[in-house]
Amino acid sequence: MLGLIRFILLLLFGSVLCSCASWRPPEYVGALIGSLQSTVENNVALKDLKPGFEYILIEIDGRKTAMALGSREVLLLQGQEQLHERWYSGQREMIHMVDGRLHTAVGLTVEWRNQRSSPPAWVVVGQTQDNLTWRRELDIMPGYRFGHADHVQTRVSSAPKGAPILPSDARWFSDWVRSPQPLGGDWVFEQHFALHQGKVVYSEQCLAPAVCFKFQPLGLVR
């Protein structure tokens, strides 16, 4: 009887080892040739992207790369539907966007975590010509800046200089952001968003003064 128990335990242990050896990361993680931090020298090309996945094109200081869509879901918050999208690089850097806005970022040189904010819905902004003021509160790494708070004003606007050509019925919005800095003083900057058919199709957003992006969804690459 004792020998039978030992045999069963050996079988179970062997099956665990096999399952661990055969484990692979999610397929989208390997869908890219590089990462946000490793694209300093080369711009991404569509031929470099693995077909069958959705991508978002990212421009950083004139350099281009892409991230693959890992998940997309619509969540209900206080009666308002929110579109949550998580984009991943080949090095498992992750950007979480809510309705096209940067929400959290992990694995980058600057990380946003635990954002506790409720930006006005785009449809609400589009119904007024006034500035809508709100507070963005989150934790920032490195530096252990917990409870960091930005003062934001969002409004209808026009396309920024250098924006791509978009459908004529696309609508433009902008954020005016005042962000306190750890060494004193405020960093004041603007962000821009283009919406078409209710979705953000282009944006210019920043994580930090030296970490600013241009985002443009590419859709499904075939």
Protein backbone atom coordinates (compact mmCIF):
# COMPACT_ATOMS: atom_id res chain seq x y z
CA MET A 1 0.00 0.00 0.00
CA LEU A 2 2.82 2.39 0.90
CA GLY A 3 4.50 1.61 -2.42
CA LEU A 4 1.29 2.44 -4.31
CA ILE A 5 1.01 5.80 -2.53
CA ARG A 6 4.62 6.63 -3.40
CA PHE A 7 3.95 5.71 -7.03
CA ILE A 8 0.91 7.99 -7.19
CA LEU A 9 2.87 10.86 -5.64
CA LEU A 10 5.65 10.40 -8.19
CA LEU A 11 3.11 10.53 -11.00
CA LEU A 12 1.60 13.73 -9.61
CA PHE A 13 5.03 15.32 -9.18
CA GLY A 14 5.97 14.37 -12.73
CA SER A 15 2.79 15.86 -14.14
CA VAL A 16 3.49 19.15 -12.32
CA LEU A 17 7.01 19.27 -13.75
CA CYS A 18 5.71 18.62 -17.27
CA SER A 19 3.06 21.32 -16.97
CA CYS A 20 5.68 23.82 -15.77
CA ALA A 21 8.05 22.91 -18.57
CA SER A 22 5.33 23.28 -21.19
CA TRP A 23 4.05 26.63 -19.86
CA ARG A 24 4.35 29.54 -22.26
CA PRO A 25 3.58 33.22 -21.70
CA PRO A 26 0.48 34.60 -23.43
CA GLU A 27 1.00 34.64 -27.18
CA TYR A 28 0.61 38.39 -27.48
CA VAL A 29 3.67 38.91 -25.27
CA GLY A 30 5.89 37.49 -28.01
CA ALA A 31 4.06 39.23 -30.83
CA LEU A 32 6.45 42.18 -30.92
CA ILE A 33 10.09 42.44 -31.89
CA GLY A 34 11.06 44.86 -29.15
CA SER A 35 9.87 47.01 -26.28
CA LEU A 36 9.32 50.64 -25.46
CA GLN A 37 12.76 50.81 -23.88
CA SER A 38 14.59 49.03 -26.71
CA THR A 39 13.40 50.98 -29.74
CA VAL A 40 15.86 53.83 -29.51
CA GLU A 41 17.60 52.90 -32.75
CA ASN A 42 14.91 51.35 -34.94
CA ASN A 43 11.39 52.36 -35.85
CA VAL A 44 8.77 49.65 -35.98
CA ALA A 45 7.37 48.66 -39.38
CA LEU A 46 4.08 46.92 -40.08
CA LYS A 47 5.99 43.98 -41.52
CA ASP A 48 7.49 43.42 -38.07
CA LEU A 49 4.08 42.89 -36.47
CA LYS A 50 2.65 39.42 -36.13
CA PRO A 51 -0.70 39.08 -37.99
CA GLY A 52 -3.83 38.26 -36.07
CA PHE A 53 -3.34 40.78 -33.27
CA GLU A 54 -4.47 44.33 -32.60
CA TYR A 55 -1.77 46.92 -32.10
CA ILE A 56 -1.38 50.50 -31.01
CA LEU A 57 1.34 52.58 -32.67
CA ILE A 58 3.41 54.59 -30.20
CA GLU A 59 5.74 57.45 -31.05
CA ILE A 60 8.37 58.61 -28.55
CA ASP A 61 10.57 61.56 -29.53
CA GLY A 62 10.10 60.71 -33.20
CA ARG A 63 10.79 56.99 -32.73
CA LYS A 64 8.01 54.50 -33.33
CA THR A 65 7.15 51.19 -31.75
CA ALA A 66 3.97 49.23 -31.08
CA MET A 67 2.20 47.33 -28.35
CA ALA A 68 -0.22 44.44 -28.74
CA LEU A 69 -3.71 44.34 -27.26
CA GLY A 70 -3.86 41.91 -24.35
CA SER A 71 -7.41 42.50 -23.15
CA ARG A 72 -10.41 44.69 -23.77
CA GLU A 73 -13.52 44.97 -21.64
CA VAL A 74 -16.34 47.37 -20.92
CA LEU A 75 -16.97 48.03 -17.23
CA LEU A 76 -19.81 49.95 -15.61
CA LEU A 77 -18.77 52.62 -13.07
CA GLN A 78 -21.41 54.81 -11.43
CA GLY A 79 -23.77 54.12 -14.33
CA GLN A 80 -21.16 55.08 -16.93
CA GLU A 81 -19.65 52.53 -19.33
CA GLN A 82 -15.85 52.60 -19.55
CA LEU A 83 -13.68 50.92 -22.17
CA HIS A 84 -10.62 49.29 -20.56
CA GLU A 85 -7.73 48.24 -22.80
CA ARG A 86 -4.40 46.73 -21.76
CA TRP A 87 -1.51 46.93 -24.22
CA TYR A 88 1.69 44.91 -23.87
CA SER A 89 5.18 45.09 -25.35
CA GLY A 90 7.50 42.18 -26.07
CA GLN A 91 9.20 42.83 -22.72
CA ARG A 92 5.91 42.74 -20.76
CA GLU A 93 5.65 46.46 -20.33
CA MET A 94 1.97 47.24 -19.91
CA ILE A 95 -0.13 50.32 -20.52
CA HIS A 96 -3.71 50.31 -19.25
CA MET A 97 -6.01 52.81 -20.95
CA VAL A 98 -9.55 53.74 -19.94
CA ASP A 99 -11.57 55.36 -22.71
CA GLY A 100 -8.30 56.16 -24.47
CA ARG A 101 -6.69 57.82 -21.45
CA LEU A 102 -3.54 56.57 -19.76
CA HIS A 103 -4.67 54.98 -16.53
CA THR A 104 -1.78 52.83 -15.29
CA ALA A 105 1.63 51.89 -16.69
CA VAL A 106 3.92 49.11 -15.48
CA GLY A 107 7.43 48.13 -16.53
CA LEU A 108 8.36 51.50 -18.03
CA THR A 109 10.97 53.93 -16.72
CA VAL A 110 8.07 55.77 -15.06
CA GLU A 111 5.21 53.76 -13.62
CA TRP A 112 1.68 54.85 -12.79
CA ARG A 113 -0.15 52.68 -10.28
CA ASN A 114 -3.43 52.70 -8.39
CA GLN A 115 -5.01 55.61 -10.18
CA ARG A 116 -8.05 56.91 -8.30
CA SER A 117 -9.64 59.34 -10.72
CA SER A 118 -12.94 59.90 -12.50
CA PRO A 119 -12.32 61.99 -15.63
CA PRO A 120 -15.43 63.42 -17.28
CA ALA A 121 -16.86 61.20 -20.02
CA TRP A 122 -16.05 62.37 -23.53
CA VAL A 123 -19.73 62.73 -24.36
CA VAL A 124 -20.13 65.09 -21.40
CA VAL A 125 -17.13 67.18 -22.46
CA GLY A 126 -18.50 67.36 -25.99
CA GLN A 127 -21.76 68.86 -24.77
CA THR A 128 -20.19 71.97 -23.27
CA GLN A 129 -17.75 74.66 -24.32
CA ASP A 130 -16.64 75.21 -20.73
CA ASN A 131 -13.57 73.73 -19.09
CA LEU A 132 -14.42 70.71 -16.95
CA THR A 133 -12.11 70.56 -13.93
CA TRP A 134 -11.15 67.32 -12.23
CA ARG A 135 -8.42 65.80 -10.06
CA ARG A 136 -6.15 62.95 -11.12
CA GLU A 137 -4.78 61.07 -8.11
CA LEU A 138 -2.37 58.14 -8.42
CA ASP A 139 0.90 56.62 -7.21
CA ILE A 140 4.08 57.21 -9.23
CA MET A 141 7.29 55.20 -9.30
CA PRO A 142 10.22 55.57 -8.94
CA GLY A 143 10.36 57.90 -5.99
CA TYR A 144 7.46 56.41 -4.02
CA ARG A 145 5.22 59.36 -4.84
CA PHE A 146 2.05 58.01 -3.27
CA GLY A 147 -1.11 60.10 -3.50
CA HIS A 148 0.30 62.33 -6.24
CA ALA A 149 -2.45 64.69 -7.46
CA ASP A 150 -2.72 66.57 -10.77
CA HIS A 151 -5.11 69.40 -11.47
CA VAL A 152 -6.74 68.85 -14.89
CA GLN A 153 -9.05 70.92 -17.08
CA THR A 154 -10.63 69.18 -20.08
CA ARG A 155 -12.36 70.94 -22.97
CA VAL A 156 -13.30 70.77 -26.63
CA SER A 157 -10.39 71.99 -28.75
CA SER A 158 -8.76 71.76 -32.17
CA ALA A 159 -6.04 69.56 -33.67
CA PRO A 160 -2.51 70.23 -32.38
CA LYS A 161 0.35 71.04 -34.71
CA GLY A 162 1.65 67.96 -36.50
CA ALA A 163 -1.44 65.84 -35.88
CA PRO A 164 -2.16 63.09 -38.45
CA ILE A 165 -4.92 63.38 -41.04
CA LEU A 166 -8.10 61.94 -39.55
CA PRO A 167 -11.72 61.70 -40.74
CA SER A 168 -13.32 65.12 -41.15
CA ASP A 169 -15.92 64.36 -38.48
CA ALA A 170 -13.33 63.52 -35.81
CA ARG A 171 -13.63 65.70 -32.71
CA TRP A 172 -10.70 67.08 -30.77
CA PHE A 173 -10.37 67.50 -27.01
CA SER A 174 -7.52 68.68 -24.81
CA ASP A 175 -6.36 68.52 -21.21
CA TRP A 176 -4.58 71.34 -19.46
CA VAL A 177 -2.59 69.70 -16.67
CA ARG A 178 -0.81 71.19 -13.67
CA SER A 179 1.39 68.54 -12.04
CA PRO A 180 3.42 69.18 -8.85
CA GLN A 181 7.02 67.97 -9.11
CA PRO A 182 9.12 66.31 -6.37
CA LEU A 183 11.83 69.00 -6.48
CA GLY A 184 9.34 71.84 -6.26
CA GLY A 185 7.38 73.83 -8.79
CA ASP A 186 4.68 72.64 -11.17
CA TRP A 187 4.91 71.02 -14.57
CA VAL A 188 2.22 72.50 -16.81
CA PHE A 189 1.44 70.85 -20.13
CA GLU A 190 -1.33 69.98 -22.60
CA GLN A 191 -2.62 66.64 -23.80
CA HIS A 192 -4.67 66.08 -26.96
CA PHE A 193 -7.27 63.49 -27.95
CA ALA A 194 -9.11 62.85 -31.22
CA LEU A 195 -12.38 60.92 -31.09
CA HIS A 196 -14.13 59.30 -34.03
CA GLN A 197 -17.34 57.33 -33.67
CA GLY A 198 -17.02 57.51 -29.90
CA LYS A 199 -13.48 56.12 -29.65
CA VAL A 200 -10.09 57.76 -29.21
CA VAL A 201 -8.25 57.28 -32.51
CA TYR A 202 -5.22 59.44 -31.71
CA SER A 203 -3.79 61.04 -28.59
CA GLU A 204 -0.75 62.82 -27.18
CA GLN A 205 -0.22 62.01 -23.50
CA CYS A 206 2.56 62.13 -20.91
CA LEU A 207 3.62 60.04 -17.92
CA ALA A 208 6.34 62.51 -16.90
CA PRO A 209 8.13 65.56 -18.36
CA ALA A 210 10.59 63.33 -20.23
CA VAL A 211 8.13 60.54 -21.02
CA CYS A 212 5.55 61.69 -23.57
CA PHE A 213 3.83 59.61 -26.23
CA LYS A 214 1.73 59.82 -29.35
CA PHE A 215 -0.75 56.95 -29.57
CA GLN A 216 -2.63 55.76 -32.65
CA PRO A 217 -4.53 52.43 -32.71
CA LEU A 218 -3.72 50.34 -35.79
CA GLY A 219 -6.55 47.87 -35.43
CA LEU A 220 -6.18 44.22 -36.39
CA VAL A 221 -3.08 43.45 -38.47
CA ARG A 222 -3.77 40.79 -41.13
